[in-house]
Amino acid sequence: MLSKEEKLRFLNTLREDEEFRLAVAGLLGLNTILEELKKLRQDFQAHLELEEKRWEENRKRWEENNKRWEENDKKWEQVFKKLEEHSKILEQHSEILEQHSKILEEQRKLLEEHRKVLEEHTKILQQHSKMLEEHSRQIQEQGKSLAELKVVIGSMGRRWGSDLERTVLEIYRQALETKGIKPENVAKFTYEDVEGKYYRRGAKIEVDIYMHNDTTILIEVKSRAELEDVEWFLDKAGIVEKIIGRKADKLIIVAVNIDKDAYERAQALGIDVVAGAVIE
């Protein structure tokens, strides 16, 4: 019989010394069982290693998948943002289209109103055209009458102009006589330059002329004498002098009224002036 201490030493040795433990097991007929256990342990260890390897591979796959999911999430976020932006743009476009639709509707109404107005204007224009045709016909008839009247007035005007000049000369008889001129001795000088020898071809030159002994005085009679009348009288006097072949002794403007600038110009040119008033 083993003592208590020997038993404890045996158990410790069995626990700590594998060879001793196997020897004891062999002695006990456990070799076969131990081999099987060893094999099972090895197989289990290999299975654990394989499972760990698979778990590691799966972990890597999960990490890769997580990264992909994260990337996909980011992509989806971008897609959603773009969709939101597109949605806003579509909303804006919808609002713009709605506004355009309203504007088009308003324009359609305006066009319809304009069409009605144009129809009314067309009717009015047609009426006016008829009225204008009638007026044209009346104007043509009046034109014929005016042409006939013009002929009558022309002959009257020539007589009236001659009578007016004679009247003006009579009004200023006293002033003219002081210059040695009797109005009744003033004659109308008229020359038509057919060939354009002295002035423009076909031009008609008219001036009042007083000729007595060797004295020649050219006179321009006006109801109102303006600056251009003074200039033209000077030019006309030069033409008449060439026609009659002698130089005028004096140039006189006889007018009821004369503009101030015309009066001053006449004095500067040495033209005598007989007038009722000088107009500022």
Protein backbone atom coordinates (compact mmCIF):
# COMPACT_ATOMS: atom_id res chain seq x y z
CA MET A 1 0.00 0.00 0.00
CA LEU A 2 1.18 3.48 -0.85
CA SER A 3 1.30 6.12 1.72
CA LYS A 4 -0.56 9.34 1.34
CA GLU A 5 2.58 11.22 0.39
CA GLU A 6 3.48 8.60 -2.21
CA LYS A 7 0.04 8.87 -3.70
CA LEU A 8 0.31 12.64 -3.96
CA ARG A 9 3.78 12.39 -5.52
CA PHE A 10 2.41 9.84 -8.02
CA LEU A 11 -0.50 12.05 -8.98
CA ASN A 12 1.70 15.13 -9.40
CA THR A 13 4.14 13.16 -11.53
CA LEU A 14 1.26 11.84 -13.59
CA ARG A 15 -0.06 15.37 -14.04
CA GLU A 16 3.26 16.98 -14.86
CA ASP A 17 5.20 14.28 -16.71
CA GLU A 18 3.60 13.39 -20.02
CA GLU A 19 5.87 10.39 -20.70
CA PHE A 20 5.15 9.02 -17.28
CA ARG A 21 1.50 9.65 -17.84
CA LEU A 22 1.60 7.80 -21.16
CA ALA A 23 3.51 4.93 -19.63
CA VAL A 24 0.97 4.62 -16.94
CA ALA A 25 -1.82 4.86 -19.47
CA GLY A 26 -0.16 2.15 -21.55
CA LEU A 27 0.05 0.04 -18.54
CA LEU A 28 -3.57 0.59 -17.96
CA GLY A 29 -4.38 -0.47 -21.62
CA LEU A 30 -5.17 3.03 -22.68
CA ASN A 31 -2.59 3.35 -25.47
CA THR A 32 -5.17 2.91 -28.16
CA ILE A 33 -7.52 5.40 -26.55
CA LEU A 34 -4.75 7.87 -26.07
CA GLU A 35 -3.68 7.60 -29.68
CA GLU A 36 -7.23 8.23 -30.74
CA LEU A 37 -7.47 11.17 -28.37
CA LYS A 38 -4.17 12.49 -29.65
CA LYS A 39 -5.38 12.16 -33.21
CA LEU A 40 -8.68 13.76 -32.32
CA ARG A 41 -6.84 16.59 -30.65
CA GLN A 42 -4.62 17.03 -33.69
CA ASP A 43 -7.66 16.92 -35.98
CA PHE A 44 -9.47 19.34 -33.72
CA GLN A 45 -6.42 21.60 -33.67
CA ALA A 46 -6.24 21.45 -37.47
CA HIS A 47 -9.97 22.16 -37.61
CA LEU A 48 -9.51 25.11 -35.28
CA GLU A 49 -6.65 26.43 -37.39
CA LEU A 50 -8.74 26.01 -40.53
CA GLU A 51 -11.68 27.71 -38.88
CA GLU A 52 -9.45 30.52 -37.68
CA LYS A 53 -8.09 30.84 -41.19
CA ARG A 54 -11.62 30.89 -42.54
CA TRP A 55 -12.65 33.40 -39.90
CA GLU A 56 -9.65 35.55 -40.82
CA GLU A 57 -10.55 35.32 -44.49
CA ASN A 58 -14.17 36.08 -43.68
CA ARG A 59 -13.06 38.98 -41.50
CA LYS A 60 -11.03 40.37 -44.39
CA ARG A 61 -13.98 39.83 -46.70
CA TRP A 62 -16.23 41.58 -44.20
CA GLU A 63 -13.79 44.44 -43.98
CA GLU A 64 -13.62 44.65 -47.77
CA ASN A 65 -17.38 44.40 -47.94
CA ASN A 66 -17.71 47.08 -45.28
CA LYS A 67 -15.37 49.30 -47.29
CA ARG A 68 -17.41 48.60 -50.39
CA TRP A 69 -20.59 49.31 -48.49
CA GLU A 70 -19.10 52.53 -47.21
CA GLU A 71 -18.04 53.46 -50.74
CA ASN A 72 -21.46 52.48 -52.01
CA ASP A 73 -23.05 54.50 -49.23
CA LYS A 74 -20.97 57.52 -50.28
CA LYS A 75 -21.91 56.94 -53.89
CA TRP A 76 -25.55 56.63 -52.92
CA GLU A 77 -25.26 59.79 -50.86
CA GLN A 78 -23.84 61.57 -53.90
CA VAL A 79 -26.60 60.09 -56.03
CA PHE A 80 -29.20 61.22 -53.50
CA LYS A 81 -27.65 64.71 -53.40
CA LYS A 82 -27.72 64.88 -57.17
CA LEU A 83 -31.27 63.62 -57.14
CA GLU A 84 -32.17 66.32 -54.62
CA GLU A 85 -30.43 68.94 -56.76
CA HIS A 86 -32.20 67.62 -59.84
CA SER A 87 -35.46 67.63 -57.95
CA LYS A 88 -34.91 71.29 -57.01
CA ILE A 89 -33.96 72.12 -60.60
CA LEU A 90 -37.04 70.28 -61.83
CA GLU A 91 -39.16 72.21 -59.35
CA GLN A 92 -37.63 75.47 -60.55
CA HIS A 93 -38.20 74.43 -64.16
CA SER A 94 -41.74 73.50 -63.31
CA GLU A 95 -42.28 76.93 -61.76
CA ILE A 96 -40.68 78.61 -64.79
CA LEU A 97 -42.80 76.52 -67.15
CA GLU A 98 -45.87 77.43 -65.17
CA GLN A 99 -44.94 81.12 -65.36
CA HIS A 100 -44.31 80.77 -69.10
CA SER A 101 -47.63 79.04 -69.47
CA LYS A 102 -49.32 81.96 -67.71
CA ILE A 103 -47.41 84.45 -69.87
CA LEU A 104 -48.33 82.52 -73.02
CA GLU A 105 -51.94 82.48 -71.94
CA GLU A 106 -51.84 86.23 -71.32
CA GLN A 107 -50.17 86.76 -74.70
CA ARG A 108 -52.77 84.57 -76.33
CA LYS A 109 -55.49 86.73 -74.79
CA LEU A 110 -53.64 89.89 -75.89
CA LEU A 111 -53.27 88.51 -79.40
CA GLU A 112 -56.95 87.73 -79.45
CA GLU A 113 -57.72 91.27 -78.31
CA HIS A 114 -55.30 92.66 -80.91
CA ARG A 115 -56.92 90.51 -83.57
CA LYS A 116 -60.30 91.96 -82.68
CA VAL A 117 -58.85 95.48 -82.64
CA LEU A 118 -57.19 94.85 -86.02
CA GLU A 119 -60.48 93.63 -87.41
CA GLU A 120 -62.14 96.81 -86.18
CA HIS A 121 -59.29 98.91 -87.58
CA THR A 122 -59.53 97.05 -90.87
CA LYS A 123 -63.20 97.90 -91.06
CA ILE A 124 -62.44 101.51 -90.16
CA LEU A 125 -59.63 101.63 -92.76
CA GLN A 126 -61.96 100.23 -95.37
CA GLN A 127 -64.45 102.95 -94.51
CA HIS A 128 -61.66 105.54 -94.61
CA SER A 129 -60.49 104.18 -97.95
CA LYS A 130 -63.94 104.70 -99.34
CA MET A 131 -64.01 108.18 -97.84
CA LEU A 132 -60.55 108.92 -99.26
CA GLU A 133 -61.63 107.72 -102.67
CA GLU A 134 -64.58 110.07 -102.46
CA HIS A 135 -62.32 112.88 -101.24
CA SER A 136 -59.85 112.16 -104.04
CA ARG A 137 -62.63 112.43 -106.54
CA GLN A 138 -63.78 115.69 -104.98
CA ILE A 139 -60.18 116.97 -104.86
CA GLN A 140 -59.72 116.16 -108.53
CA GLU A 141 -62.86 118.09 -109.31
CA GLN A 142 -61.69 120.93 -107.08
CA GLY A 143 -58.25 120.75 -108.71
CA LYS A 144 -59.78 121.43 -112.06
CA SER A 145 -61.68 124.36 -110.58
CA LEU A 146 -58.50 125.61 -108.84
CA ALA A 147 -56.54 125.38 -112.07
CA GLU A 148 -59.11 127.53 -113.76
CA LEU A 149 -59.12 129.88 -110.77
CA LYS A 150 -55.30 130.05 -110.82
CA VAL A 151 -55.36 131.35 -114.36
CA VAL A 152 -57.81 134.06 -113.35
CA ILE A 153 -55.88 134.95 -110.17
CA GLY A 154 -52.58 135.03 -112.09
CA SER A 155 -53.81 137.68 -114.43
CA MET A 156 -55.32 139.57 -111.50
CA GLY A 157 -52.08 139.25 -109.50
CA ARG A 158 -49.99 140.70 -112.25
CA ARG A 159 -52.32 143.65 -112.54
CA TRP A 160 -52.51 143.99 -108.75
CA GLY A 161 -48.69 143.87 -108.40
CA SER A 162 -48.30 146.58 -110.97
CA ASP A 163 -51.00 148.65 -109.30
CA LEU A 164 -49.36 148.10 -105.87
CA GLU A 165 -45.98 149.32 -107.09
CA ARG A 166 -47.61 152.37 -108.63
CA THR A 167 -49.49 153.00 -105.37
CA VAL A 168 -46.27 152.77 -103.29
CA LEU A 169 -44.53 155.21 -105.63
CA GLU A 170 -47.45 157.63 -105.27
CA ILE A 171 -47.35 157.30 -101.47
CA TYR A 172 -43.72 158.40 -101.41
CA ARG A 173 -44.01 160.91 -104.26
CA GLN A 174 -42.71 163.77 -102.14
CA ALA A 175 -39.61 161.87 -101.03
CA LEU A 176 -38.95 160.76 -104.60
CA GLU A 177 -39.40 164.24 -106.02
CA THR A 178 -36.74 165.53 -103.62
CA LYS A 179 -34.45 163.08 -105.37
CA GLY A 180 -35.53 164.43 -108.76
CA ILE A 181 -37.88 161.56 -109.60
CA LYS A 182 -41.49 161.92 -110.70
CA PRO A 183 -43.44 158.69 -110.12
CA GLU A 184 -45.35 159.01 -113.39
CA ASN A 185 -42.05 158.93 -115.28
CA VAL A 186 -40.97 155.64 -113.68
CA ALA A 187 -41.35 152.76 -116.16
CA LYS A 188 -41.26 148.99 -115.80
CA PHE A 189 -38.19 147.42 -117.43
CA THR A 190 -38.59 143.75 -118.36
CA TYR A 191 -36.03 141.54 -120.10
CA GLU A 192 -36.19 137.80 -120.80
CA ASP A 193 -32.71 136.32 -121.17
CA VAL A 194 -33.62 133.62 -123.70
CA GLU A 195 -30.05 132.60 -124.51
CA GLY A 196 -28.64 133.14 -121.01
CA LYS A 197 -26.34 135.88 -122.20
CA TYR A 198 -26.55 138.01 -119.05
CA TYR A 199 -28.08 135.61 -116.51
CA ARG A 200 -29.60 132.14 -116.43
CA ARG A 201 -31.14 131.02 -119.70
CA GLY A 202 -34.82 131.88 -119.82
CA ALA A 203 -34.61 134.12 -116.72
CA LYS A 204 -36.92 137.11 -116.60
CA ILE A 205 -35.43 140.34 -115.20
CA GLU A 206 -37.83 143.03 -113.98
CA VAL A 207 -36.98 146.40 -112.41
CA ASP A 208 -38.45 149.90 -112.31
CA ILE A 209 -36.32 152.40 -114.15
CA TYR A 210 -36.27 156.18 -114.32
CA MET A 211 -34.43 157.68 -117.27
CA HIS A 212 -34.32 161.44 -117.87
CA ASN A 213 -31.77 163.21 -120.04
CA ASP A 214 -28.49 161.45 -119.16
CA THR A 215 -29.68 160.26 -115.75
CA THR A 216 -30.51 156.60 -115.15
CA ILE A 217 -31.97 155.48 -111.82
CA LEU A 218 -32.96 151.88 -111.02
CA ILE A 219 -35.75 151.45 -108.48
CA GLU A 220 -36.94 148.37 -106.51
CA VAL A 221 -40.46 148.72 -105.10
CA LYS A 222 -41.52 146.46 -102.16
CA SER A 223 -44.28 146.38 -99.60
CA ARG A 224 -41.64 144.94 -97.20
CA ALA A 225 -37.95 144.83 -98.07
CA GLU A 226 -35.83 142.08 -96.51
CA LEU A 227 -32.07 141.42 -96.56
CA GLU A 228 -32.22 139.05 -99.53
CA ASP A 229 -34.22 141.67 -101.48
CA VAL A 230 -31.33 144.12 -101.05
CA GLU A 231 -28.75 141.57 -102.20
CA TRP A 232 -30.84 140.54 -105.21
CA PHE A 233 -31.51 144.16 -106.19
CA LEU A 234 -27.75 144.84 -106.28
CA ASP A 235 -27.12 141.77 -108.45
CA LYS A 236 -30.10 142.55 -110.67
CA ALA A 237 -28.93 146.16 -111.15
CA GLY A 238 -25.57 144.88 -112.41
CA ILE A 239 -27.36 142.65 -114.94
CA VAL A 240 -29.61 145.50 -116.13
CA GLU A 241 -26.60 147.77 -116.53
CA LYS A 242 -25.05 145.23 -118.89
CA ILE A 243 -28.31 144.91 -120.82
CA ILE A 244 -28.85 148.65 -121.32
CA GLY A 245 -25.16 149.29 -121.83
CA ARG A 246 -24.79 152.03 -119.24
CA LYS A 247 -24.17 152.29 -115.52
CA ALA A 248 -26.99 153.45 -113.26
CA ASP A 249 -26.42 156.78 -111.55
CA LYS A 250 -28.33 155.72 -108.49
CA LEU A 251 -30.07 152.69 -106.93
CA ILE A 252 -33.17 153.29 -104.80
CA ILE A 253 -35.32 150.90 -102.75
CA VAL A 254 -38.85 152.18 -102.13
CA ALA A 255 -40.70 150.17 -99.46
CA VAL A 256 -43.56 150.57 -97.04
CA ASN A 257 -41.46 148.69 -94.42
CA ILE A 258 -37.83 147.57 -94.44
CA ASP A 259 -36.06 145.22 -92.00
CA LYS A 260 -33.28 146.81 -89.97
CA ASP A 261 -30.57 144.46 -91.30
CA ALA A 262 -31.78 145.12 -94.86
CA TYR A 263 -31.68 148.90 -94.25
CA GLU A 264 -28.13 148.72 -92.84
CA ARG A 265 -26.98 146.52 -95.73
CA ALA A 266 -28.46 148.94 -98.29
CA GLN A 267 -26.61 151.84 -96.70
CA ALA A 268 -23.37 149.83 -96.72
CA LEU A 269 -23.84 149.11 -100.45
CA GLY A 270 -24.62 152.74 -101.29
CA ILE A 271 -28.29 152.09 -102.09
CA ASP A 272 -30.73 154.88 -101.20
CA VAL A 273 -33.77 153.86 -99.15
CA VAL A 274 -37.21 155.47 -99.11
CA ALA A 275 -39.37 153.67 -96.53
CA GLY A 276 -42.26 154.27 -94.18
CA ALA A 277 -40.67 152.35 -91.26
CA VAL A 278 -37.56 150.39 -90.33
CA ILE A 279 -38.57 147.14 -88.58
CA GLU A 280 -36.35 145.79 -85.78
